């Protein structure tokens, strides 16, 4: 879902590392990545709260709309934000485990 919805590449995968399997997603030229792991035999469960967020700022309206459409096509569902701040200029999406991604149609400001 995250590779298709956010345009990340699968940079690496692993199996059986101290009982964990996983996938590392990101962009090869960027100094960050997302790591998804699963401990064998342990149910992952749902997100602990509705405010577990990954937030991406996409200020260009057309690109923002394209990002939202890609998340929907990847299987994310539109949900109202737990904190309505995110509904002012953005859209919140939920994955199958209840974790949320916000695509904010604005620049990030400190």
PDB file of N, CA and C in Angstrom:
ATOM      1  N   UNK A   1       0.828  -1.197   0.000  1.00  0.00           N
ATOM      2  CA  UNK A   1       0.000   0.000   0.000  1.00  0.00           C
ATOM      3  C   UNK A   1       0.868   1.255   0.000  1.00  0.00           C
ATOM      4  N   UNK A   2       1.898   1.263   0.827  1.00  0.00           N
ATOM      5  CA  UNK A   2       2.716   2.464   0.966  1.00  0.00           C
ATOM      6  C   UNK A   2       3.595   2.697  -0.255  1.00  0.00           C
ATOM      7  N   UNK A   3       4.086   1.638  -0.872  1.00  0.00           N
ATOM      8  CA  UNK A   3       4.888   1.800  -2.087  1.00  0.00           C
ATOM      9  C   UNK A   3       4.013   2.383  -3.202  1.00  0.00           C
ATOM     10  N   UNK A   4       2.845   1.799  -3.416  1.00  0.00           N
ATOM     11  CA  UNK A   4       1.957   2.278  -4.470  1.00  0.00           C
ATOM     12  C   UNK A   4       1.336   3.627  -4.126  1.00  0.00           C
ATOM     13  N   UNK A   5       0.884   3.792  -2.901  1.00  0.00           N
ATOM     14  CA  UNK A   5       0.171   5.003  -2.517  1.00  0.00           C
ATOM     15  C   UNK A   5       1.047   6.231  -2.382  1.00  0.00           C
ATOM     16  N   UNK A   6       2.294   6.046  -1.946  1.00  0.00           N
ATOM     17  CA  UNK A   6       3.177   7.192  -1.721  1.00  0.00           C
ATOM     18  C   UNK A   6       4.335   7.257  -2.710  1.00  0.00           C
ATOM     19  N   UNK A   7       4.384   6.312  -3.625  1.00  0.00           N
ATOM     20  CA  UNK A   7       5.443   6.333  -4.623  1.00  0.00           C
ATOM     21  C   UNK A   7       6.810   5.946  -4.099  1.00  0.00           C
ATOM     22  N   UNK A   8       6.853   5.250  -2.965  1.00  0.00           N
ATOM     23  CA  UNK A   8       8.127   4.783  -2.424  1.00  0.00           C
ATOM     24  C   UNK A   8       8.566   3.531  -3.178  1.00  0.00           C
ATOM     25  N   UNK A   9       9.859   3.271  -3.135  1.00  0.00           N
ATOM     26  CA  UNK A   9      10.397   2.033  -3.684  1.00  0.00           C
ATOM     27  C   UNK A   9      10.694   1.079  -2.535  1.00  0.00           C
ATOM     28  N   UNK A  10      10.607  -0.197  -2.817  1.00  0.00           N
ATOM     29  CA  UNK A  10      11.053  -1.180  -1.830  1.00  0.00           C
ATOM     30  C   UNK A  10      12.571  -1.232  -1.945  1.00  0.00           C
ATOM     31  N   UNK A  11      13.254  -0.680  -0.939  1.00  0.00           N
ATOM     32  CA  UNK A  11      14.712  -0.587  -0.953  1.00  0.00           C
ATOM     33  C   UNK A  11      15.359  -1.893  -0.516  1.00  0.00           C
ATOM     34  N   UNK A  12      14.673  -2.617   0.375  1.00  0.00           N
ATOM     35  CA  UNK A  12      15.223  -3.868   0.887  1.00  0.00           C
ATOM     36  C   UNK A  12      14.119  -4.635   1.597  1.00  0.00           C
ATOM     37  N   UNK A  13      14.293  -5.932   1.690  1.00  0.00           N
ATOM     38  CA  UNK A  13      13.417  -6.772   2.499  1.00  0.00           C
ATOM     39  C   UNK A  13      14.308  -7.726   3.284  1.00  0.00           C
ATOM     40  N   UNK A  14      13.772  -8.266   4.361  1.00  0.00           N
ATOM     41  CA  UNK A  14      14.524  -9.245   5.138  1.00  0.00           C
ATOM     42  C   UNK A  14      13.568 -10.230   5.768  1.00  0.00           C
ATOM     43  N   UNK A  15      14.081 -11.413   6.058  1.00  0.00           N
ATOM     44  CA  UNK A  15      13.299 -12.471   6.702  1.00  0.00           C
ATOM     45  C   UNK A  15      14.139 -13.129   7.779  1.00  0.00           C
ATOM     46  N   UNK A  16      13.496 -13.451   8.867  1.00  0.00           N
ATOM     47  CA  UNK A  16      14.135 -14.228   9.922  1.00  0.00           C
ATOM     48  C   UNK A  16      15.234 -13.524  10.686  1.00  0.00           C
ATOM     49  N   UNK A  17      15.218 -12.219  10.735  1.00  0.00           N
ATOM     50  CA  UNK A  17      16.213 -11.487  11.519  1.00  0.00           C
ATOM     51  C   UNK A  17      15.730 -11.406  12.959  1.00  0.00           C
ATOM     52  N   UNK A  18      16.255 -12.267  13.817  1.00  0.00           N
ATOM     53  CA  UNK A  18      15.805 -12.349  15.218  1.00  0.00           C
ATOM     54  C   UNK A  18      14.294 -12.542  15.323  1.00  0.00           C
ATOM     55  N   UNK A  19      13.725 -13.292  14.372  1.00  0.00           N
ATOM     56  CA  UNK A  19      12.290 -13.577  14.383  1.00  0.00           C
ATOM     57  C   UNK A  19      11.448 -12.547  13.666  1.00  0.00           C
ATOM     58  N   UNK A  20      12.072 -11.566  13.042  1.00  0.00           N
ATOM     59  CA  UNK A  20      11.342 -10.511  12.349  1.00  0.00           C
ATOM     60  C   UNK A  20      11.525 -10.619  10.839  1.00  0.00           C
ATOM     61  N   UNK A  21      10.446 -10.307  10.126  1.00  0.00           N
ATOM     62  CA  UNK A  21      10.478 -10.126   8.683  1.00  0.00           C
ATOM     63  C   UNK A  21      10.144  -8.660   8.433  1.00  0.00           C
ATOM     64  N   UNK A  22      10.615  -8.124   7.326  1.00  0.00           N
ATOM     65  CA  UNK A  22      10.307  -6.722   7.091  1.00  0.00           C
ATOM     66  C   UNK A  22      10.608  -6.237   5.700  1.00  0.00           C
ATOM     67  N   UNK A  23      10.173  -5.011   5.460  1.00  0.00           N
ATOM     68  CA  UNK A  23      10.419  -4.313   4.203  1.00  0.00           C
ATOM     69  C   UNK A  23      10.806  -2.879   4.531  1.00  0.00           C
ATOM     70  N   UNK A  24      11.758  -2.370   3.774  1.00  0.00           N
ATOM     71  CA  UNK A  24      12.226  -1.000   3.942  1.00  0.00           C
ATOM     72  C   UNK A  24      11.847  -0.246   2.673  1.00  0.00           C
ATOM     73  N   UNK A  25      11.052   0.812   2.840  1.00  0.00           N
ATOM     74  CA  UNK A  25      10.559   1.601   1.716  1.00  0.00           C
ATOM     75  C   UNK A  25      11.094   3.012   1.790  1.00  0.00           C
ATOM     76  N   UNK A  26      11.341   3.605   0.656  1.00  0.00           N
ATOM     77  CA  UNK A  26      11.805   4.982   0.612  1.00  0.00           C
ATOM     78  C   UNK A  26      12.153   5.387  -0.800  1.00  0.00           C
ATOM     79  N   UNK A  27      12.974   6.404  -0.888  1.00  0.00           N
ATOM     80  CA  UNK A  27      13.510   6.882  -2.151  1.00  0.00           C
ATOM     81  C   UNK A  27      15.022   6.736  -2.074  1.00  0.00           C
ATOM     82  N   UNK A  28      15.646   6.110  -3.062  1.00  0.00           N
ATOM     83  CA  UNK A  28      17.073   5.805  -2.986  1.00  0.00           C
ATOM     84  C   UNK A  28      17.974   7.015  -2.737  1.00  0.00           C
ATOM     85  N   UNK A  29      17.556   8.203  -3.150  1.00  0.00           N
ATOM     86  CA  UNK A  29      18.406   9.386  -3.009  1.00  0.00           C
ATOM     87  C   UNK A  29      18.063  10.240  -1.792  1.00  0.00           C
ATOM     88  N   UNK A  30      17.163   9.772  -0.960  1.00  0.00           N
ATOM     89  CA  UNK A  30      16.775  10.549   0.226  1.00  0.00           C
ATOM     90  C   UNK A  30      17.286   9.860   1.487  1.00  0.00           C
ATOM     91  N   UNK A  31      17.622  10.638   2.516  1.00  0.00           N
ATOM     92  CA  UNK A  31      18.217  10.058   3.733  1.00  0.00           C
ATOM     93  C   UNK A  31      17.196   9.574   4.761  1.00  0.00           C
ATOM     94  N   UNK A  32      16.056   9.080   4.330  1.00  0.00           N
ATOM     95  CA  UNK A  32      15.057   8.556   5.257  1.00  0.00           C
ATOM     96  C   UNK A  32      14.382   7.351   4.615  1.00  0.00           C
ATOM     97  N   UNK A  33      13.730   6.575   5.445  1.00  0.00           N
ATOM     98  CA  UNK A  33      12.958   5.447   4.938  1.00  0.00           C
ATOM     99  C   UNK A  33      11.909   5.067   5.966  1.00  0.00           C
ATOM    100  N   UNK A  34      10.962   4.265   5.535  1.00  0.00           N
ATOM    101  CA  UNK A  34       9.974   3.664   6.419  1.00  0.00           C
ATOM    102  C   UNK A  34      10.317   2.193   6.524  1.00  0.00           C
ATOM    103  N   UNK A  35      10.252   1.665   7.714  1.00  0.00           N
ATOM    104  CA  UNK A  35      10.542   0.247   7.905  1.00  0.00           C
ATOM    105  C   UNK A  35       9.318  -0.424   8.516  1.00  0.00           C
ATOM    106  N   UNK A  36       8.809  -1.416   7.816  1.00  0.00           N
ATOM    107  CA  UNK A  36       7.655  -2.167   8.272  1.00  0.00           C
ATOM    108  C   UNK A  36       8.141  -3.549   8.681  1.00  0.00           C
ATOM    109  N   UNK A  37       7.871  -3.910   9.922  1.00  0.00           N
ATOM    110  CA  UNK A  37       8.331  -5.199  10.418  1.00  0.00           C
ATOM    111  C   UNK A  37       7.172  -5.991  10.991  1.00  0.00           C
ATOM    112  N   UNK A  38       7.365  -7.293  11.016  1.00  0.00           N
ATOM    113  CA  UNK A  38       6.387  -8.203  11.604  1.00  0.00           C
ATOM    114  C   UNK A  38       7.157  -9.287  12.345  1.00  0.00           C
ATOM    115  N   UNK A  39       6.851  -9.436  13.615  1.00  0.00           N
ATOM    116  CA  UNK A  39       7.462 -10.513  14.392  1.00  0.00           C
ATOM    117  C   UNK A  39       6.666 -11.777  14.120  1.00  0.00           C
ATOM    118  N   UNK A  40       7.350 -12.811  13.706  1.00  0.00           N
ATOM    119  CA  UNK A  40       6.681 -14.071  13.366  1.00  0.00           C
ATOM    120  C   UNK A  40       5.904 -14.610  14.564  1.00  0.00           C
ATOM    121  N   UNK A  41       4.645 -14.929  14.322  1.00  0.00           N
ATOM    122  CA  UNK A  41       3.803 -15.502  15.361  1.00  0.00           C
ATOM    123  C   UNK A  41       3.153 -14.486  16.280  1.00  0.00           C
ATOM    124  N   UNK A  42       3.407 -13.191  16.068  1.00  0.00           N
ATOM    125  CA  UNK A  42       2.821 -12.141  16.902  1.00  0.00           C
ATOM    126  C   UNK A  42       1.872 -11.304  16.052  1.00  0.00           C
ATOM    127  N   UNK A  43       0.582 -11.261  16.407  1.00  0.00           N
ATOM    128  CA  UNK A  43      -0.334 -10.411  15.632  1.00  0.00           C
ATOM    129  C   UNK A  43       0.071  -8.942  15.766  1.00  0.00           C
ATOM    130  N   UNK A  44       0.055  -8.221  14.649  1.00  0.00           N
ATOM    131  CA  UNK A  44       0.464  -6.813  14.660  1.00  0.00           C
ATOM    132  C   UNK A  44      -0.578  -5.931  15.333  1.00  0.00           C
ATOM    133  N   UNK A  45      -1.831  -6.210  15.116  1.00  0.00           N
ATOM    134  CA  UNK A  45      -2.884  -5.390  15.716  1.00  0.00           C
ATOM    135  C   UNK A  45      -3.073  -4.074  14.980  1.00  0.00           C
ATOM    136  N   UNK A  46      -4.010  -3.301  15.483  1.00  0.00           N
ATOM    137  CA  UNK A  46      -4.342  -2.017  14.866  1.00  0.00           C
ATOM    138  C   UNK A  46      -3.554  -0.891  15.514  1.00  0.00           C
ATOM    139  N   UNK A  47      -3.577   0.250  14.869  1.00  0.00           N
ATOM    140  CA  UNK A  47      -2.913   1.440  15.411  1.00  0.00           C
ATOM    141  C   UNK A  47      -3.478   1.742  16.798  1.00  0.00           C
ATOM    142  N   UNK A  48      -2.621   2.143  17.737  1.00  0.00           N
ATOM    143  CA  UNK A  48      -3.108   2.384  19.098  1.00  0.00           C
ATOM    144  C   UNK A  48      -4.060   3.567  19.225  1.00  0.00           C
ATOM    145  N   UNK A  49      -3.928   4.582  18.374  1.00  0.00           N
ATOM    146  CA  UNK A  49      -4.862   5.714  18.402  1.00  0.00           C
ATOM    147  C   UNK A  49      -5.081   6.199  16.977  1.00  0.00           C
ATOM    148  N   UNK A  50      -6.061   7.076  16.810  1.00  0.00           N
ATOM    149  CA  UNK A  50      -6.331   7.674  15.500  1.00  0.00           C
ATOM    150  C   UNK A  50      -5.383   8.828  15.201  1.00  0.00           C
ATOM    151  N   UNK A  51      -4.470   9.112  16.105  1.00  0.00           N
ATOM    152  CA  UNK A  51      -3.550  10.227  15.909  1.00  0.00           C
ATOM    153  C   UNK A  51      -2.120   9.746  15.667  1.00  0.00           C
ATOM    154  N   UNK A  52      -1.967   8.506  15.182  1.00  0.00           N
ATOM    155  CA  UNK A  52      -0.658   8.005  14.733  1.00  0.00           C
ATOM    156  C   UNK A  52      -0.555   8.369  13.261  1.00  0.00           C
ATOM    157  N   UNK A  53       0.230   9.407  12.963  1.00  0.00           N
ATOM    158  CA  UNK A  53       0.205   9.996  11.631  1.00  0.00           C
ATOM    159  C   UNK A  53       1.575  10.041  10.969  1.00  0.00           C
ATOM    160  N   UNK A  54       1.572   9.832   9.664  1.00  0.00           N
ATOM    161  CA  UNK A  54       2.668  10.247   8.801  1.00  0.00           C
ATOM    162  C   UNK A  54       2.108  11.432   8.032  1.00  0.00           C
ATOM    163  N   UNK A  55       2.792  12.564   8.049  1.00  0.00           N
ATOM    164  CA  UNK A  55       2.286  13.762   7.393  1.00  0.00           C
ATOM    165  C   UNK A  55       3.248  14.151   6.278  1.00  0.00           C
ATOM    166  N   UNK A  56       2.679  14.360   5.094  1.00  0.00           N
ATOM    167  CA  UNK A  56       3.446  14.802   3.935  1.00  0.00           C
ATOM    168  C   UNK A  56       2.845  16.105   3.436  1.00  0.00           C
ATOM    169  N   UNK A  57       3.692  17.084   3.202  1.00  0.00           N
ATOM    170  CA  UNK A  57       3.265  18.398   2.725  1.00  0.00           C
ATOM    171  C   UNK A  57       3.483  18.467   1.219  1.00  0.00           C
ATOM    172  N   UNK A  58       2.396  18.686   0.492  1.00  0.00           N
ATOM    173  CA  UNK A  58       2.427  18.761  -0.966  1.00  0.00           C
ATOM    174  C   UNK A  58       1.714  20.063  -1.350  1.00  0.00           C
ATOM    175  N   UNK A  59       2.467  21.147  -1.544  1.00  0.00           N
ATOM    176  CA  UNK A  59       1.828  22.449  -1.742  1.00  0.00           C
ATOM    177  C   UNK A  59       1.176  22.665  -3.109  1.00  0.00           C
ATOM    178  N   UNK A  60       1.605  21.941  -4.131  1.00  0.00           N
ATOM    179  CA  UNK A  60       1.041  22.145  -5.468  1.00  0.00           C
ATOM    180  C   UNK A  60      -0.314  21.446  -5.567  1.00  0.00           C
ATOM    181  N   UNK A  61      -1.405  22.183  -5.848  1.00  0.00           N
ATOM    182  CA  UNK A  61      -2.752  21.582  -5.846  1.00  0.00           C
ATOM    183  C   UNK A  61      -2.907  20.368  -6.762  1.00  0.00           C
ATOM    184  N   UNK A  62      -2.356  20.423  -7.974  1.00  0.00           N
ATOM    185  CA  UNK A  62      -2.512  19.289  -8.889  1.00  0.00           C
ATOM    186  C   UNK A  62      -1.754  18.057  -8.383  1.00  0.00           C
ATOM    187  N   UNK A  63      -0.554  18.282  -7.891  1.00  0.00           N
ATOM    188  CA  UNK A  63       0.234  17.158  -7.350  1.00  0.00           C
ATOM    189  C   UNK A  63      -0.441  16.594  -6.102  1.00  0.00           C
ATOM    190  N   UNK A  64      -1.012  17.473  -5.268  1.00  0.00           N
ATOM    191  CA  UNK A  64      -1.728  17.050  -4.062  1.00  0.00           C
ATOM    192  C   UNK A  64      -2.893  16.123  -4.447  1.00  0.00           C
ATOM    193  N   UNK A  65      -3.683  16.533  -5.458  1.00  0.00           N
ATOM    194  CA  UNK A  65      -4.813  15.714  -5.907  1.00  0.00           C
ATOM    195  C   UNK A  65      -4.336  14.364  -6.434  1.00  0.00           C
ATOM    196  N   UNK A  66      -3.217  14.362  -7.154  1.00  0.00           N
ATOM    197  CA  UNK A  66      -2.647  13.120  -7.673  1.00  0.00           C
ATOM    198  C   UNK A  66      -2.222  12.209  -6.530  1.00  0.00           C
ATOM    199  N   UNK A  67      -1.618  12.771  -5.496  1.00  0.00           N
ATOM    200  CA  UNK A  67      -1.210  11.982  -4.321  1.00  0.00           C
ATOM    201  C   UNK A  67      -2.417  11.360  -3.633  1.00  0.00           C
ATOM    202  N   UNK A  68      -3.465  12.140  -3.468  1.00  0.00           N
ATOM    203  CA  UNK A  68      -4.685  11.621  -2.823  1.00  0.00           C
ATOM    204  C   UNK A  68      -5.279  10.482  -3.644  1.00  0.00           C
ATOM    205  N   UNK A  69      -5.314  10.644  -4.954  1.00  0.00           N
ATOM    206  CA  UNK A  69      -5.861   9.595  -5.820  1.00  0.00           C
ATOM    207  C   UNK A  69      -5.013   8.324  -5.751  1.00  0.00           C
ATOM    208  N   UNK A  70      -3.693   8.473  -5.682  1.00  0.00           N
ATOM    209  CA  UNK A  70      -2.805   7.308  -5.598  1.00  0.00           C
ATOM    210  C   UNK A  70      -3.025   6.541  -4.302  1.00  0.00           C
ATOM    211  N   UNK A  71      -3.240   7.250  -3.194  1.00  0.00           N
ATOM    212  CA  UNK A  71      -3.511   6.572  -1.922  1.00  0.00           C
ATOM    213  C   UNK A  71      -4.807   5.779  -1.993  1.00  0.00           C
ATOM    214  N   UNK A  72      -5.840   6.379  -2.565  1.00  0.00           N
ATOM    215  CA  UNK A  72      -7.121   5.667  -2.711  1.00  0.00           C
ATOM    216  C   UNK A  72      -6.949   4.422  -3.588  1.00  0.00           C
ATOM    217  N   UNK A  73      -6.234   4.572  -4.689  1.00  0.00           N
ATOM    218  CA  UNK A  73      -6.030   3.446  -5.603  1.00  0.00           C
ATOM    219  C   UNK A  73      -5.229   2.322  -4.940  1.00  0.00           C
ATOM    220  N   UNK A  74      -4.373   2.673  -3.979  1.00  0.00           N
ATOM    221  CA  UNK A  74      -3.562   1.677  -3.278  1.00  0.00           C
ATOM    222  C   UNK A  74      -4.331   0.981  -2.158  1.00  0.00           C
ATOM    223  N   UNK A  75      -5.554   1.435  -1.864  1.00  0.00           N
ATOM    224  CA  UNK A  75      -6.365   0.778  -0.847  1.00  0.00           C
ATOM    225  C   UNK A  75      -6.551   1.557   0.441  1.00  0.00           C
ATOM    226  N   UNK A  76      -5.952   2.746   0.548  1.00  0.00           N
ATOM    227  CA  UNK A  76      -6.204   3.594   1.714  1.00  0.00           C
ATOM    228  C   UNK A  76      -7.629   4.133   1.619  1.00  0.00           C
ATOM    229  N   UNK A  77      -8.247   4.404   2.764  1.00  0.00           N
ATOM    230  CA  UNK A  77      -9.592   4.988   2.746  1.00  0.00           C
ATOM    231  C   UNK A  77      -9.546   6.385   3.360  1.00  0.00           C
ATOM    232  N   UNK A  78     -10.378   7.274   2.823  1.00  0.00           N
ATOM    233  CA  UNK A  78     -10.517   8.623   3.368  1.00  0.00           C
ATOM    234  C   UNK A  78     -11.197   8.530   4.726  1.00  0.00           C
ATOM    235  N   UNK A  79     -10.662   9.227   5.701  1.00  0.00           N
ATOM    236  CA  UNK A  79     -11.279   9.277   7.027  1.00  0.00           C
ATOM    237  C   UNK A  79     -11.222  10.718   7.530  1.00  0.00           C
ATOM    238  N   UNK A  80     -12.171  11.104   8.380  1.00  0.00           N
ATOM    239  CA  UNK A  80     -12.043  12.422   8.996  1.00  0.00           C
ATOM    240  C   UNK A  80     -10.862  12.405   9.964  1.00  0.00           C
ATOM    241  N   UNK A  81     -10.135  13.500  10.004  1.00  0.00           N
ATOM    242  CA  UNK A  81      -8.986  13.584  10.904  1.00  0.00           C
ATOM    243  C   UNK A  81      -9.452  13.586  12.352  1.00  0.00           C
ATOM    244  N   UNK A  82      -8.688  12.934  13.221  1.00  0.00           N
ATOM    245  CA  UNK A  82      -8.973  12.969  14.652  1.00  0.00           C
ATOM    246  C   UNK A  82      -8.802  14.396  15.163  1.00  0.00           C
ATOM    247  N   UNK A  83      -7.752  15.076  14.711  1.00  0.00           N
ATOM    248  CA  UNK A  83      -7.516  16.491  14.992  1.00  0.00           C
ATOM    249  C   UNK A  83      -7.970  17.258  13.756  1.00  0.00           C
ATOM    250  N   UNK A  84      -9.042  18.015  13.860  1.00  0.00           N
ATOM    251  CA  UNK A  84      -9.628  18.646  12.674  1.00  0.00           C
ATOM    252  C   UNK A  84      -8.715  19.682  12.019  1.00  0.00           C
ATOM    253  N   UNK A  85      -7.596  20.002  12.644  1.00  0.00           N
ATOM    254  CA  UNK A  85      -6.604  20.872  12.008  1.00  0.00           C
ATOM    255  C   UNK A  85      -6.223  20.318  10.633  1.00  0.00           C
ATOM    256  N   UNK A  86      -6.074  18.990  10.546  1.00  0.00           N
ATOM    257  CA  UNK A  86      -5.625  18.369   9.300  1.00  0.00           C
ATOM    258  C   UNK A  86      -6.682  18.430   8.203  1.00  0.00           C
ATOM    259  N   UNK A  87      -7.939  18.663   8.556  1.00  0.00           N
ATOM    260  CA  UNK A  87      -9.002  18.766   7.553  1.00  0.00           C
ATOM    261  C   UNK A  87      -9.049  20.148   6.908  1.00  0.00           C
ATOM    262  N   UNK A  88      -8.351  21.131   7.468  1.00  0.00           N
ATOM    263  CA  UNK A  88      -8.420  22.497   6.945  1.00  0.00           C
ATOM    264  C   UNK A  88      -7.782  22.624   5.567  1.00  0.00           C
ATOM    265  N   UNK A  89      -6.615  22.004   5.374  1.00  0.00           N
ATOM    266  CA  UNK A  89      -5.928  22.093   4.093  1.00  0.00           C
ATOM    267  C   UNK A  89      -5.394  20.736   3.635  1.00  0.00           C
ATOM    268  N   UNK A  90      -5.935  19.695   4.199  1.00  0.00           N
ATOM    269  CA  UNK A  90      -5.399  18.385   3.861  1.00  0.00           C
ATOM    270  C   UNK A  90      -6.457  17.308   3.850  1.00  0.00           C
ATOM    271  N   UNK A  91      -5.976  16.096   3.703  1.00  0.00           N
ATOM    272  CA  UNK A  91      -6.845  14.925   3.661  1.00  0.00           C
ATOM    273  C   UNK A  91      -6.160  13.819   4.441  1.00  0.00           C
ATOM    274  N   UNK A  92      -6.928  13.103   5.241  1.00  0.00           N
ATOM    275  CA  UNK A  92      -6.393  12.014   6.050  1.00  0.00           C
ATOM    276  C   UNK A  92      -6.872  10.685   5.476  1.00  0.00           C
ATOM    277  N   UNK A  93      -5.939   9.732   5.405  1.00  0.00           N
ATOM    278  CA  UNK A  93      -6.213   8.403   4.868  1.00  0.00           C
ATOM    279  C   UNK A  93      -5.788   7.366   5.892  1.00  0.00           C
ATOM    280  N   UNK A  94      -6.469   6.228   5.896  1.00  0.00           N
ATOM    281  CA  UNK A  94      -6.165   5.163   6.849  1.00  0.00           C
ATOM    282  C   UNK A  94      -5.811   3.887   6.101  1.00  0.00           C
ATOM    283  N   UNK A  95      -4.769   3.185   6.596  1.00  0.00           N
ATOM    284  CA  UNK A  95      -4.402   1.900   5.993  1.00  0.00           C
ATOM    285  C   UNK A  95      -5.224   0.785   6.628  1.00  0.00           C
ATOM    286  N   UNK A  96      -4.962  -0.437   6.233  1.00  0.00           N
ATOM    287  CA  UNK A  96      -5.748  -1.578   6.704  1.00  0.00           C
ATOM    288  C   UNK A  96      -5.599  -1.845   8.197  1.00  0.00           C
ATOM    289  N   UNK A  97      -4.505  -1.364   8.807  1.00  0.00           N
ATOM    290  CA  UNK A  97      -4.272  -1.556  10.238  1.00  0.00           C
ATOM    291  C   UNK A  97      -4.653  -0.344  11.075  1.00  0.00           C
ATOM    292  N   UNK A  98      -5.240   0.673  10.452  1.00  0.00           N
ATOM    293  CA  UNK A  98      -5.690   1.840  11.192  1.00  0.00           C
ATOM    294  C   UNK A  98      -4.657   2.947  11.326  1.00  0.00           C
ATOM    295  N   UNK A  99      -3.487   2.762  10.745  1.00  0.00           N
ATOM    296  CA  UNK A  99      -2.488   3.837  10.762  1.00  0.00           C
ATOM    297  C   UNK A  99      -2.861   4.864   9.706  1.00  0.00           C
ATOM    298  N   UNK A 100      -2.509   6.109   9.973  1.00  0.00           N
ATOM    299  CA  UNK A 100      -3.001   7.188   9.134  1.00  0.00           C
ATOM    300  C   UNK A 100      -1.892   7.976   8.450  1.00  0.00           C
ATOM    301  N   UNK A 101      -2.226   8.436   7.245  1.00  0.00           N
ATOM    302  CA  UNK A 101      -1.351   9.285   6.445  1.00  0.00           C
ATOM    303  C   UNK A 101      -2.133  10.555   6.138  1.00  0.00           C
ATOM    304  N   UNK A 102      -1.496  11.702   6.341  1.00  0.00           N
ATOM    305  CA  UNK A 102      -2.094  12.984   5.996  1.00  0.00           C
ATOM    306  C   UNK A 102      -1.332  13.554   4.806  1.00  0.00           C
ATOM    307  N   UNK A 103      -2.072  13.975   3.795  1.00  0.00           N
ATOM    308  CA  UNK A 103      -1.486  14.709   2.677  1.00  0.00           C
ATOM    309  C   UNK A 103      -1.992  16.146   2.832  1.00  0.00           C
ATOM    310  N   UNK A 104      -1.086  17.007   3.235  1.00  0.00           N
ATOM    311  CA  UNK A 104      -1.412  18.408   3.519  1.00  0.00           C
ATOM    312  C   UNK A 104      -1.121  19.244   2.277  1.00  0.00           C
ATOM    313  N   UNK A 105      -2.106  19.984   1.810  1.00  0.00           N
ATOM    314  CA  UNK A 105      -1.961  20.824   0.619  1.00  0.00           C
ATOM    315  C   UNK A 105      -1.433  22.193   1.037  1.00  0.00           C
ATOM    316  N   UNK A 106      -0.191  22.181   1.528  1.00  0.00           N
ATOM    317  CA  UNK A 106       0.429  23.418   2.031  1.00  0.00           C
ATOM    318  C   UNK A 106       1.923  23.167   2.201  1.00  0.00           C
ATOM    319  N   UNK A 107       2.670  24.217   2.461  1.00  0.00           N
ATOM    320  CA  UNK A 107       4.083  24.110   2.807  1.00  0.00           C
ATOM    321  C   UNK A 107       4.210  23.836   4.294  1.00  0.00           C
ATOM    322  N   UNK A 108       5.243  23.112   4.679  1.00  0.00           N
ATOM    323  CA  UNK A 108       5.524  22.912   6.096  1.00  0.00           C
ATOM    324  C   UNK A 108       6.177  24.167   6.635  1.00  0.00           C
ATOM    325  N   UNK A 109       5.755  24.573   7.809  1.00  0.00           N
ATOM    326  CA  UNK A 109       6.314  25.761   8.468  1.00  0.00           C
ATOM    327  C   UNK A 109       6.768  25.375   9.863  1.00  0.00           C
ATOM    328  N   UNK A 110       7.919  25.889  10.250  1.00  0.00           N
ATOM    329  CA  UNK A 110       8.411  25.631  11.615  1.00  0.00           C
ATOM    330  C   UNK A 110       7.580  26.375  12.617  1.00  0.00           C
TER     331      UNK A 110
END
